[in-house]
Amino acid sequence: MDAQVMIWSTAANPAEADAIARALVAERLAACVHTHPVASTYRWQGAVETAAEVALVAKTTAALADAVAARIAALHSYAVPEILVTPITGSSPAYRVWLAESVANPAQG
């Protein structure tokens, strides 16, 4: 079974987060995407900024990580979207199977 990963990103607002999450799941690039409101503090163009954002956590396979990152970037409003890939080092066997089945044949959507 292919290695599994979580991909973290943030979106500017709930509508953008929902559009990204729905596209990833509908296109079978991610098995599931959680969204959470977050407050982010970051440096941008030399200034410290704070903004309300929506975090996205997508569960997928390592083999699809680049495709997920490309899809997030294509749908995203930010010039530099945050896209972080973290290996899943443990999960229940049933969850691993479900995740793998959920992203099988992503070209078929």
PDB file of N, CA and C in Angstrom:
ATOM      1  N   MET A   1       0.853  -1.173   0.000  1.00  0.00           N
ATOM      2  CA  MET A   1       0.000   0.000   0.000  1.00  0.00           C
ATOM      3  C   MET A   1       0.901   1.239   0.000  1.00  0.00           C
ATOM      4  N   ASP A   2       0.545   2.224  -0.813  1.00  0.00           N
ATOM      5  CA  ASP A   2       1.315   3.457  -0.927  1.00  0.00           C
ATOM      6  C   ASP A   2       1.348   4.203   0.406  1.00  0.00           C
ATOM      7  N   ALA A   3       2.444   4.888   0.683  1.00  0.00           N
ATOM      8  CA  ALA A   3       2.551   5.720   1.882  1.00  0.00           C
ATOM      9  C   ALA A   3       1.453   6.777   1.858  1.00  0.00           C
ATOM     10  N   GLN A   4       0.980   7.148   3.035  1.00  0.00           N
ATOM     11  CA  GLN A   4      -0.091   8.129   3.136  1.00  0.00           C
ATOM     12  C   GLN A   4       0.423   9.391   3.808  1.00  0.00           C
ATOM     13  N   VAL A   5      -0.179  10.525   3.434  1.00  0.00           N
ATOM     14  CA  VAL A   5       0.260  11.826   3.921  1.00  0.00           C
ATOM     15  C   VAL A   5      -0.935  12.707   4.256  1.00  0.00           C
ATOM     16  N   MET A   6      -0.661  13.737   5.067  1.00  0.00           N
ATOM     17  CA  MET A   6      -1.616  14.812   5.293  1.00  0.00           C
ATOM     18  C   MET A   6      -1.024  16.057   4.652  1.00  0.00           C
ATOM     19  N   ILE A   7      -1.859  16.807   3.967  1.00  0.00           N
ATOM     20  CA  ILE A   7      -1.403  18.046   3.345  1.00  0.00           C
ATOM     21  C   ILE A   7      -2.152  19.200   3.994  1.00  0.00           C
ATOM     22  N   TRP A   8      -1.389  20.103   4.578  1.00  0.00           N
ATOM     23  CA  TRP A   8      -1.933  21.265   5.282  1.00  0.00           C
ATOM     24  C   TRP A   8      -1.847  22.474   4.363  1.00  0.00           C
ATOM     25  N   SER A   9      -2.907  23.248   4.307  1.00  0.00           N
ATOM     26  CA  SER A   9      -2.905  24.512   3.599  1.00  0.00           C
ATOM     27  C   SER A   9      -3.833  25.455   4.340  1.00  0.00           C
ATOM     28  N   THR A  10      -3.841  26.706   3.953  1.00  0.00           N
ATOM     29  CA  THR A  10      -4.809  27.658   4.477  1.00  0.00           C
ATOM     30  C   THR A  10      -5.458  28.374   3.308  1.00  0.00           C
ATOM     31  N   ALA A  11      -6.685  28.813   3.517  1.00  0.00           N
ATOM     32  CA  ALA A  11      -7.425  29.554   2.496  1.00  0.00           C
ATOM     33  C   ALA A  11      -7.847  30.895   3.082  1.00  0.00           C
ATOM     34  N   ALA A  12      -8.142  31.825   2.197  1.00  0.00           N
ATOM     35  CA  ALA A  12      -8.485  33.183   2.626  1.00  0.00           C
ATOM     36  C   ALA A  12      -9.830  33.272   3.323  1.00  0.00           C
ATOM     37  N   ASN A  13     -10.741  32.358   2.993  1.00  0.00           N
ATOM     38  CA  ASN A  13     -12.097  32.440   3.553  1.00  0.00           C
ATOM     39  C   ASN A  13     -12.781  31.079   3.426  1.00  0.00           C
ATOM     40  N   PRO A  14     -13.943  30.907   4.089  1.00  0.00           N
ATOM     41  CA  PRO A  14     -14.639  29.613   4.036  1.00  0.00           C
ATOM     42  C   PRO A  14     -15.046  29.190   2.627  1.00  0.00           C
ATOM     43  N   ALA A  15     -15.444  30.108   1.787  1.00  0.00           N
ATOM     44  CA  ALA A  15     -15.860  29.738   0.426  1.00  0.00           C
ATOM     45  C   ALA A  15     -14.700  29.157  -0.367  1.00  0.00           C
ATOM     46  N   GLU A  16     -13.537  29.784  -0.261  1.00  0.00           N
ATOM     47  CA  GLU A  16     -12.366  29.266  -0.967  1.00  0.00           C
ATOM     48  C   GLU A  16     -11.965  27.907  -0.404  1.00  0.00           C
ATOM     49  N   ALA A  17     -11.975  27.778   0.917  1.00  0.00           N
ATOM     50  CA  ALA A  17     -11.634  26.494   1.545  1.00  0.00           C
ATOM     51  C   ALA A  17     -12.590  25.402   1.088  1.00  0.00           C
ATOM     52  N   ASP A  18     -13.880  25.706   1.048  1.00  0.00           N
ATOM     53  CA  ASP A  18     -14.876  24.718   0.620  1.00  0.00           C
ATOM     54  C   ASP A  18     -14.658  24.320  -0.843  1.00  0.00           C
ATOM     55  N   ALA A  19     -14.371  25.288  -1.701  1.00  0.00           N
ATOM     56  CA  ALA A  19     -14.137  24.981  -3.119  1.00  0.00           C
ATOM     57  C   ALA A  19     -12.925  24.072  -3.294  1.00  0.00           C
ATOM     58  N   ILE A  20     -11.857  24.348  -2.552  1.00  0.00           N
ATOM     59  CA  ILE A  20     -10.659  23.516  -2.641  1.00  0.00           C
ATOM     60  C   ILE A  20     -10.945  22.122  -2.098  1.00  0.00           C
ATOM     61  N   ALA A  21     -11.574  22.046  -0.923  1.00  0.00           N
ATOM     62  CA  ALA A  21     -11.878  20.749  -0.312  1.00  0.00           C
ATOM     63  C   ALA A  21     -12.764  19.908  -1.227  1.00  0.00           C
ATOM     64  N   ARG A  22     -13.823  20.501  -1.753  1.00  0.00           N
ATOM     65  CA  ARG A  22     -14.747  19.758  -2.618  1.00  0.00           C
ATOM     66  C   ARG A  22     -14.056  19.268  -3.891  1.00  0.00           C
ATOM     67  N   ALA A  23     -13.213  20.098  -4.478  1.00  0.00           N
ATOM     68  CA  ALA A  23     -12.505  19.693  -5.699  1.00  0.00           C
ATOM     69  C   ALA A  23     -11.571  18.524  -5.411  1.00  0.00           C
ATOM     70  N   LEU A  24     -10.810  18.599  -4.321  1.00  0.00           N
ATOM     71  CA  LEU A  24      -9.872  17.521  -4.004  1.00  0.00           C
ATOM     72  C   LEU A  24     -10.582  16.195  -3.784  1.00  0.00           C
ATOM     73  N   VAL A  25     -11.714  16.220  -3.077  1.00  0.00           N
ATOM     74  CA  VAL A  25     -12.442  14.978  -2.810  1.00  0.00           C
ATOM     75  C   VAL A  25     -13.177  14.511  -4.067  1.00  0.00           C
ATOM     76  N   ALA A  26     -13.839  15.410  -4.774  1.00  0.00           N
ATOM     77  CA  ALA A  26     -14.580  15.030  -5.987  1.00  0.00           C
ATOM     78  C   ALA A  26     -13.662  14.437  -7.048  1.00  0.00           C
ATOM     79  N   GLU A  27     -12.448  14.969  -7.135  1.00  0.00           N
ATOM     80  CA  GLU A  27     -11.481  14.491  -8.132  1.00  0.00           C
ATOM     81  C   GLU A  27     -10.656  13.303  -7.631  1.00  0.00           C
ATOM     82  N   ARG A  28     -10.997  12.793  -6.459  1.00  0.00           N
ATOM     83  CA  ARG A  28     -10.344  11.640  -5.848  1.00  0.00           C
ATOM     84  C   ARG A  28      -8.854  11.876  -5.578  1.00  0.00           C
ATOM     85  N   LEU A  29      -8.491  13.129  -5.390  1.00  0.00           N
ATOM     86  CA  LEU A  29      -7.121  13.456  -5.021  1.00  0.00           C
ATOM     87  C   LEU A  29      -6.917  13.359  -3.514  1.00  0.00           C
ATOM     88  N   ALA A  30      -7.999  13.506  -2.755  1.00  0.00           N
ATOM     89  CA  ALA A  30      -7.954  13.371  -1.300  1.00  0.00           C
ATOM     90  C   ALA A  30      -9.161  12.559  -0.852  1.00  0.00           C
ATOM     91  N   ALA A  31      -8.955  11.762   0.190  1.00  0.00           N
ATOM     92  CA  ALA A  31     -10.056  10.968   0.734  1.00  0.00           C
ATOM     93  C   ALA A  31     -10.975  11.837   1.581  1.00  0.00           C
ATOM     94  N   CYS A  32     -10.385  12.824   2.245  1.00  0.00           N
ATOM     95  CA  CYS A  32     -11.111  13.661   3.191  1.00  0.00           C
ATOM     96  C   CYS A  32     -10.329  14.959   3.353  1.00  0.00           C
ATOM     97  N   VAL A  33     -11.043  16.050   3.554  1.00  0.00           N
ATOM     98  CA  VAL A  33     -10.396  17.329   3.858  1.00  0.00           C
ATOM     99  C   VAL A  33     -11.126  17.952   5.036  1.00  0.00           C
ATOM    100  N   HIS A  34     -10.404  18.180   6.115  1.00  0.00           N
ATOM    101  CA  HIS A  34     -10.975  18.891   7.263  1.00  0.00           C
ATOM    102  C   HIS A  34     -10.701  20.377   7.095  1.00  0.00           C
ATOM    103  N   THR A  35     -11.649  21.207   7.501  1.00  0.00           N
ATOM    104  CA  THR A  35     -11.435  22.651   7.501  1.00  0.00           C
ATOM    105  C   THR A  35     -11.661  23.181   8.912  1.00  0.00           C
ATOM    106  N   HIS A  36     -10.845  24.145   9.274  1.00  0.00           N
ATOM    107  CA  HIS A  36     -10.883  24.717  10.618  1.00  0.00           C
ATOM    108  C   HIS A  36     -10.585  26.210  10.537  1.00  0.00           C
ATOM    109  N   PRO A  37     -11.360  27.063  11.203  1.00  0.00           N
ATOM    110  CA  PRO A  37     -10.989  28.484  11.250  1.00  0.00           C
ATOM    111  C   PRO A  37      -9.722  28.652  12.094  1.00  0.00           C
ATOM    112  N   VAL A  38      -8.812  29.487  11.628  1.00  0.00           N
ATOM    113  CA  VAL A  38      -7.575  29.749  12.360  1.00  0.00           C
ATOM    114  C   VAL A  38      -7.231  31.234  12.271  1.00  0.00           C
ATOM    115  N   ALA A  39      -6.454  31.698  13.223  1.00  0.00           N
ATOM    116  CA  ALA A  39      -5.864  33.032  13.164  1.00  0.00           C
ATOM    117  C   ALA A  39      -4.393  32.841  12.851  1.00  0.00           C
ATOM    118  N   SER A  40      -3.922  33.467  11.792  1.00  0.00           N
ATOM    119  CA  SER A  40      -2.536  33.300  11.364  1.00  0.00           C
ATOM    120  C   SER A  40      -1.759  34.601  11.536  1.00  0.00           C
ATOM    121  N   THR A  41      -0.557  34.488  12.043  1.00  0.00           N
ATOM    122  CA  THR A  41       0.364  35.618  12.125  1.00  0.00           C
ATOM    123  C   THR A  41       1.586  35.229  11.316  1.00  0.00           C
ATOM    124  N   TYR A  42       1.990  36.090  10.399  1.00  0.00           N
ATOM    125  CA  TYR A  42       3.049  35.745   9.451  1.00  0.00           C
ATOM    126  C   TYR A  42       3.731  37.012   8.952  1.00  0.00           C
ATOM    127  N   ARG A  43       4.889  36.830   8.333  1.00  0.00           N
ATOM    128  CA  ARG A  43       5.593  37.945   7.714  1.00  0.00           C
ATOM    129  C   ARG A  43       5.277  37.924   6.222  1.00  0.00           C
ATOM    130  N   TRP A  44       4.859  39.067   5.689  1.00  0.00           N
ATOM    131  CA  TRP A  44       4.570  39.176   4.261  1.00  0.00           C
ATOM    132  C   TRP A  44       5.035  40.541   3.783  1.00  0.00           C
ATOM    133  N   GLN A  45       5.884  40.533   2.791  1.00  0.00           N
ATOM    134  CA  GLN A  45       6.429  41.743   2.186  1.00  0.00           C
ATOM    135  C   GLN A  45       7.006  42.688   3.236  1.00  0.00           C
ATOM    136  N   GLY A  46       7.753  42.107   4.176  1.00  0.00           N
ATOM    137  CA  GLY A  46       8.474  42.876   5.166  1.00  0.00           C
ATOM    138  C   GLY A  46       7.690  43.310   6.390  1.00  0.00           C
ATOM    139  N   ALA A  47       6.406  42.991   6.447  1.00  0.00           N
ATOM    140  CA  ALA A  47       5.578  43.400   7.588  1.00  0.00           C
ATOM    141  C   ALA A  47       4.994  42.170   8.267  1.00  0.00           C
ATOM    142  N   VAL A  48       4.752  42.293   9.569  1.00  0.00           N
ATOM    143  CA  VAL A  48       4.083  41.231  10.307  1.00  0.00           C
ATOM    144  C   VAL A  48       2.576  41.455  10.169  1.00  0.00           C
ATOM    145  N   GLU A  49       1.890  40.441   9.697  1.00  0.00           N
ATOM    146  CA  GLU A  49       0.449  40.504   9.432  1.00  0.00           C
ATOM    147  C   GLU A  49      -0.280  39.481  10.292  1.00  0.00           C
ATOM    148  N   THR A  50      -1.536  39.739  10.551  1.00  0.00           N
ATOM    149  CA  THR A  50      -2.421  38.779  11.206  1.00  0.00           C
ATOM    150  C   THR A  50      -3.707  38.729  10.406  1.00  0.00           C
ATOM    151  N   ALA A  51      -4.200  37.524  10.161  1.00  0.00           N
ATOM    152  CA  ALA A  51      -5.415  37.376   9.362  1.00  0.00           C
ATOM    153  C   ALA A  51      -6.211  36.166   9.830  1.00  0.00           C
ATOM    154  N   ALA A  52      -7.529  36.266   9.688  1.00  0.00           N
ATOM    155  CA  ALA A  52      -8.395  35.108   9.882  1.00  0.00           C
ATOM    156  C   ALA A  52      -8.329  34.295   8.593  1.00  0.00           C
ATOM    157  N   GLU A  53      -8.068  33.011   8.715  1.00  0.00           N
ATOM    158  CA  GLU A  53      -7.989  32.119   7.568  1.00  0.00           C
ATOM    159  C   GLU A  53      -8.738  30.837   7.891  1.00  0.00           C
ATOM    160  N   VAL A  54      -8.797  29.949   6.919  1.00  0.00           N
ATOM    161  CA  VAL A  54      -9.375  28.629   7.126  1.00  0.00           C
ATOM    162  C   VAL A  54      -8.302  27.607   6.783  1.00  0.00           C
ATOM    163  N   ALA A  55      -7.957  26.770   7.766  1.00  0.00           N
ATOM    164  CA  ALA A  55      -6.974  25.718   7.541  1.00  0.00           C
ATOM    165  C   ALA A  55      -7.646  24.532   6.864  1.00  0.00           C
ATOM    166  N   LEU A  56      -6.908  23.898   5.964  1.00  0.00           N
ATOM    167  CA  LEU A  56      -7.361  22.677   5.305  1.00  0.00           C
ATOM    168  C   LEU A  56      -6.362  21.569   5.609  1.00  0.00           C
ATOM    169  N   VAL A  57      -6.846  20.399   5.956  1.00  0.00           N
ATOM    170  CA  VAL A  57      -5.995  19.237   6.167  1.00  0.00           C
ATOM    171  C   VAL A  57      -6.548  18.123   5.285  1.00  0.00           C
ATOM    172  N   ALA A  58      -5.823  17.817   4.221  1.00  0.00           N
ATOM    173  CA  ALA A  58      -6.249  16.801   3.257  1.00  0.00           C
ATOM    174  C   ALA A  58      -5.486  15.513   3.516  1.00  0.00           C
ATOM    175  N   LYS A  59      -6.187  14.390   3.499  1.00  0.00           N
ATOM    176  CA  LYS A  59      -5.556  13.076   3.646  1.00  0.00           C
ATOM    177  C   LYS A  59      -5.510  12.405   2.280  1.00  0.00           C
ATOM    178  N   THR A  60      -4.312  11.949   1.888  1.00  0.00           N
ATOM    179  CA  THR A  60      -4.124  11.363   0.569  1.00  0.00           C
ATOM    180  C   THR A  60      -2.906  10.441   0.596  1.00  0.00           C
ATOM    181  N   THR A  61      -2.456  10.024  -0.569  1.00  0.00           N
ATOM    182  CA  THR A  61      -1.261   9.187  -0.663  1.00  0.00           C
ATOM    183  C   THR A  61      -0.060  10.028  -1.077  1.00  0.00           C
ATOM    184  N   ALA A  62       1.112   9.537  -0.741  1.00  0.00           N
ATOM    185  CA  ALA A  62       2.337  10.242  -1.121  1.00  0.00           C
ATOM    186  C   ALA A  62       2.424  10.365  -2.647  1.00  0.00           C
ATOM    187  N   ALA A  63       1.939   9.366  -3.355  1.00  0.00           N
ATOM    188  CA  ALA A  63       1.989   9.394  -4.820  1.00  0.00           C
ATOM    189  C   ALA A  63       1.160  10.530  -5.407  1.00  0.00           C
ATOM    190  N   LEU A  64       0.120  10.958  -4.693  1.00  0.00           N
ATOM    191  CA  LEU A  64      -0.748  12.033  -5.180  1.00  0.00           C
ATOM    192  C   LEU A  64      -0.394  13.398  -4.610  1.00  0.00           C
ATOM    193  N   ALA A  65       0.606  13.473  -3.741  1.00  0.00           N
ATOM    194  CA  ALA A  65       0.920  14.738  -3.061  1.00  0.00           C
ATOM    195  C   ALA A  65       1.217  15.870  -4.037  1.00  0.00           C
ATOM    196  N   ASP A  66       1.978  15.623  -5.075  1.00  0.00           N
ATOM    197  CA  ASP A  66       2.284  16.683  -6.044  1.00  0.00           C
ATOM    198  C   ASP A  66       1.036  17.133  -6.790  1.00  0.00           C
ATOM    199  N   ALA A  67       0.163  16.196  -7.139  1.00  0.00           N
ATOM    200  CA  ALA A  67      -1.085  16.548  -7.836  1.00  0.00           C
ATOM    201  C   ALA A  67      -2.000  17.356  -6.925  1.00  0.00           C
ATOM    202  N   VAL A  68      -2.057  16.992  -5.651  1.00  0.00           N
ATOM    203  CA  VAL A  68      -2.859  17.749  -4.686  1.00  0.00           C
ATOM    204  C   VAL A  68      -2.298  19.157  -4.554  1.00  0.00           C
ATOM    205  N   ALA A  69      -0.990  19.280  -4.408  1.00  0.00           N
ATOM    206  CA  ALA A  69      -0.364  20.600  -4.287  1.00  0.00           C
ATOM    207  C   ALA A  69      -0.644  21.456  -5.513  1.00  0.00           C
ATOM    208  N   ALA A  70      -0.558  20.874  -6.689  1.00  0.00           N
ATOM    209  CA  ALA A  70      -0.825  21.618  -7.922  1.00  0.00           C
ATOM    210  C   ALA A  70      -2.280  22.063  -7.987  1.00  0.00           C
ATOM    211  N   ARG A  71      -3.198  21.200  -7.565  1.00  0.00           N
ATOM    212  CA  ARG A  71      -4.626  21.552  -7.599  1.00  0.00           C
ATOM    213  C   ARG A  71      -4.938  22.658  -6.595  1.00  0.00           C
ATOM    214  N   ILE A  72      -4.352  22.565  -5.400  1.00  0.00           N
ATOM    215  CA  ILE A  72      -4.545  23.632  -4.409  1.00  0.00           C
ATOM    216  C   ILE A  72      -4.033  24.948  -4.986  1.00  0.00           C
ATOM    217  N   ALA A  73      -2.841  24.944  -5.545  1.00  0.00           N
ATOM    218  CA  ALA A  73      -2.266  26.165  -6.112  1.00  0.00           C
ATOM    219  C   ALA A  73      -3.145  26.742  -7.224  1.00  0.00           C
ATOM    220  N   ALA A  74      -3.717  25.872  -8.051  1.00  0.00           N
ATOM    221  CA  ALA A  74      -4.558  26.334  -9.154  1.00  0.00           C
ATOM    222  C   ALA A  74      -5.853  26.987  -8.678  1.00  0.00           C
ATOM    223  N   LEU A  75      -6.373  26.521  -7.552  1.00  0.00           N
ATOM    224  CA  LEU A  75      -7.645  27.035  -7.037  1.00  0.00           C
ATOM    225  C   LEU A  75      -7.472  28.169  -6.028  1.00  0.00           C
ATOM    226  N   HIS A  76      -6.253  28.436  -5.635  1.00  0.00           N
ATOM    227  CA  HIS A  76      -5.966  29.335  -4.521  1.00  0.00           C
ATOM    228  C   HIS A  76      -5.866  30.789  -4.954  1.00  0.00           C
ATOM    229  N   SER A  77      -6.258  31.698  -4.061  1.00  0.00           N
ATOM    230  CA  SER A  77      -6.178  33.129  -4.346  1.00  0.00           C
ATOM    231  C   SER A  77      -4.842  33.747  -3.925  1.00  0.00           C
ATOM    232  N   TYR A  78      -4.038  33.044  -3.124  1.00  0.00           N
ATOM    233  CA  TYR A  78      -2.776  33.605  -2.641  1.00  0.00           C
ATOM    234  C   TYR A  78      -1.675  33.465  -3.683  1.00  0.00           C
ATOM    235  N   ALA A  79      -0.772  34.425  -3.713  1.00  0.00           N
ATOM    236  CA  ALA A  79       0.402  34.337  -4.588  1.00  0.00           C
ATOM    237  C   ALA A  79       1.321  33.200  -4.145  1.00  0.00           C
ATOM    238  N   VAL A  80       1.392  32.970  -2.823  1.00  0.00           N
ATOM    239  CA  VAL A  80       2.234  31.911  -2.265  1.00  0.00           C
ATOM    240  C   VAL A  80       1.393  31.110  -1.267  1.00  0.00           C
ATOM    241  N   PRO A  81       0.590  30.164  -1.751  1.00  0.00           N
ATOM    242  CA  PRO A  81      -0.213  29.380  -0.809  1.00  0.00           C
ATOM    243  C   PRO A  81       0.657  28.452   0.030  1.00  0.00           C
ATOM    244  N   GLU A  82       0.268  28.308   1.277  1.00  0.00           N
ATOM    245  CA  GLU A  82       0.950  27.368   2.169  1.00  0.00           C
ATOM    246  C   GLU A  82       0.512  25.955   1.793  1.00  0.00           C
ATOM    247  N   ILE A  83       1.473  25.098   1.483  1.00  0.00           N
ATOM    248  CA  ILE A  83       1.190  23.697   1.165  1.00  0.00           C
ATOM    249  C   ILE A  83       2.284  22.871   1.823  1.00  0.00           C
ATOM    250  N   LEU A  84       1.927  22.202   2.920  1.00  0.00           N
ATOM    251  CA  LEU A  84       2.880  21.416   3.690  1.00  0.00           C
ATOM    252  C   LEU A  84       2.458  19.951   3.663  1.00  0.00           C
ATOM    253  N   VAL A  85       3.396  19.057   3.383  1.00  0.00           N
ATOM    254  CA  VAL A  85       3.112  17.625   3.301  1.00  0.00           C
ATOM    255  C   VAL A  85       3.781  16.925   4.489  1.00  0.00           C
ATOM    256  N   THR A  86       2.966  16.179   5.247  1.00  0.00           N
ATOM    257  CA  THR A  86       3.454  15.467   6.427  1.00  0.00           C
ATOM    258  C   THR A  86       3.123  13.987   6.300  1.00  0.00           C
ATOM    259  N   PRO A  87       4.096  13.109   6.472  1.00  0.00           N
ATOM    260  CA  PRO A  87       3.804  11.673   6.406  1.00  0.00           C
ATOM    261  C   PRO A  87       2.870  11.250   7.538  1.00  0.00           C
ATOM    262  N   ILE A  88       1.994  10.335   7.238  1.00  0.00           N
ATOM    263  CA  ILE A  88       1.168   9.683   8.261  1.00  0.00           C
ATOM    264  C   ILE A  88       1.947   8.446   8.673  1.00  0.00           C
ATOM    265  N   THR A  89       2.413   8.433   9.891  1.00  0.00           N
ATOM    266  CA  THR A  89       3.261   7.318  10.340  1.00  0.00           C
ATOM    267  C   THR A  89       2.477   6.225  11.043  1.00  0.00           C
ATOM    268  N   GLY A  90       1.215   6.460  11.287  1.00  0.00           N
ATOM    269  CA  GLY A  90       0.398   5.430  11.911  1.00  0.00           C
ATOM    270  C   GLY A  90      -1.075   5.759  11.777  1.00  0.00           C
ATOM    271  N   SER A  91      -1.876   4.733  11.582  1.00  0.00           N
ATOM    272  CA  SER A  91      -3.334   4.860  11.552  1.00  0.00           C
ATOM    273  C   SER A  91      -3.918   3.458  11.660  1.00  0.00           C
ATOM    274  N   SER A  92      -5.215   3.387  11.870  1.00  0.00           N
ATOM    275  CA  SER A  92      -5.833   2.068  11.961  1.00  0.00           C
ATOM    276  C   SER A  92      -5.803   1.397  10.589  1.00  0.00           C
ATOM    277  N   PRO A  93      -5.692   0.093  10.558  1.00  0.00           N
ATOM    278  CA  PRO A  93      -5.686  -0.609   9.272  1.00  0.00           C
ATOM    279  C   PRO A  93      -6.929  -0.308   8.431  1.00  0.00           C
ATOM    280  N   ALA A  94      -8.084  -0.246   9.057  1.00  0.00           N
ATOM    281  CA  ALA A  94      -9.316   0.029   8.309  1.00  0.00           C
ATOM    282  C   ALA A  94      -9.279   1.418   7.689  1.00  0.00           C
ATOM    283  N   TYR A  95      -8.747   2.411   8.408  1.00  0.00           N
ATOM    284  CA  TYR A  95      -8.651   3.766   7.875  1.00  0.00           C
ATOM    285  C   TYR A  95      -7.690   3.813   6.702  1.00  0.00           C
ATOM    286  N   ARG A  96      -6.557   3.119   6.817  1.00  0.00           N
ATOM    287  CA  ARG A  96      -5.579   3.092   5.718  1.00  0.00           C
ATOM    288  C   ARG A  96      -6.203   2.528   4.443  1.00  0.00           C
ATOM    289  N   VAL A  97      -6.977   1.463   4.590  1.00  0.00           N
ATOM    290  CA  VAL A  97      -7.643   0.861   3.427  1.00  0.00           C
ATOM    291  C   VAL A  97      -8.660   1.833   2.848  1.00  0.00           C
ATOM    292  N   TRP A  98      -9.486   2.444   3.718  1.00  0.00           N
ATOM    293  CA  TRP A  98     -10.502   3.403   3.245  1.00  0.00           C
ATOM    294  C   TRP A  98      -9.856   4.556   2.493  1.00  0.00           C
ATOM    295  N   LEU A  99      -8.766   5.113   3.056  1.00  0.00           N
ATOM    296  CA  LEU A  99      -8.089   6.226   2.393  1.00  0.00           C
ATOM    297  C   LEU A  99      -7.594   5.795   1.013  1.00  0.00           C
ATOM    298  N   ALA A 100      -6.928   4.661   0.952  1.00  0.00           N
ATOM    299  CA  ALA A 100      -6.401   4.171  -0.329  1.00  0.00           C
ATOM    300  C   ALA A 100      -7.509   3.956  -1.350  1.00  0.00           C
ATOM    301  N   GLU A 101      -8.618   3.370  -0.931  1.00  0.00           N
ATOM    302  CA  GLU A 101      -9.737   3.134  -1.847  1.00  0.00           C
ATOM    303  C   GLU A 101     -10.375   4.445  -2.297  1.00  0.00           C
ATOM    304  N   SER A 102     -10.401   5.436  -1.421  1.00  0.00           N
ATOM    305  CA  SER A 102     -11.044   6.707  -1.735  1.00  0.00           C
ATOM    306  C   SER A 102     -10.303   7.523  -2.786  1.00  0.00           C
ATOM    307  N   VAL A 103      -9.002   7.292  -2.923  1.00  0.00           N
ATOM    308  CA  VAL A 103      -8.226   8.051  -3.907  1.00  0.00           C
ATOM    309  C   VAL A 103      -7.789   7.191  -5.084  1.00  0.00           C
ATOM    310  N   ALA A 104      -8.290   5.985  -5.162  1.00  0.00           N
ATOM    311  CA  ALA A 104      -7.960   5.113  -6.293  1.00  0.00           C
ATOM    312  C   ALA A 104      -8.531   5.697  -7.577  1.00  0.00           C
ATOM    313  N   ASN A 105      -7.767   5.653  -8.632  1.00  0.00           N
ATOM    314  CA  ASN A 105      -8.200   6.124  -9.944  1.00  0.00           C
ATOM    315  C   ASN A 105      -8.643   7.585  -9.940  1.00  0.00           C
ATOM    316  N   PRO A 106      -7.761   8.522  -9.523  1.00  0.00           N
ATOM    317  CA  PRO A 106      -8.155   9.923  -9.438  1.00  0.00           C
ATOM    318  C   PRO A 106      -8.574  10.540 -10.764  1.00  0.00           C
ATOM    319  N   ALA A 107      -8.087  10.033 -11.883  1.00  0.00           N
ATOM    320  CA  ALA A 107      -8.473  10.591 -13.180  1.00  0.00           C
ATOM    321  C   ALA A 107      -9.943  10.383 -13.480  1.00  0.00           C
ATOM    322  N   GLN A 108     -10.571   9.398 -12.821  1.00  0.00           N
ATOM    323  CA  GLN A 108     -11.979   9.101 -13.068  1.00  0.00           C
ATOM    324  C   GLN A 108     -12.916   9.988 -12.251  1.00  0.00           C
ATOM    325  N   GLY A 109     -12.378  10.663 -11.221  1.00  0.00           N
ATOM    326  CA  GLY A 109     -13.188  11.568 -10.407  1.00  0.00           C
ATOM    327  C   GLY A 109     -14.272  10.912  -9.729  1.00  0.00           C
TER     328      GLY A 109
END
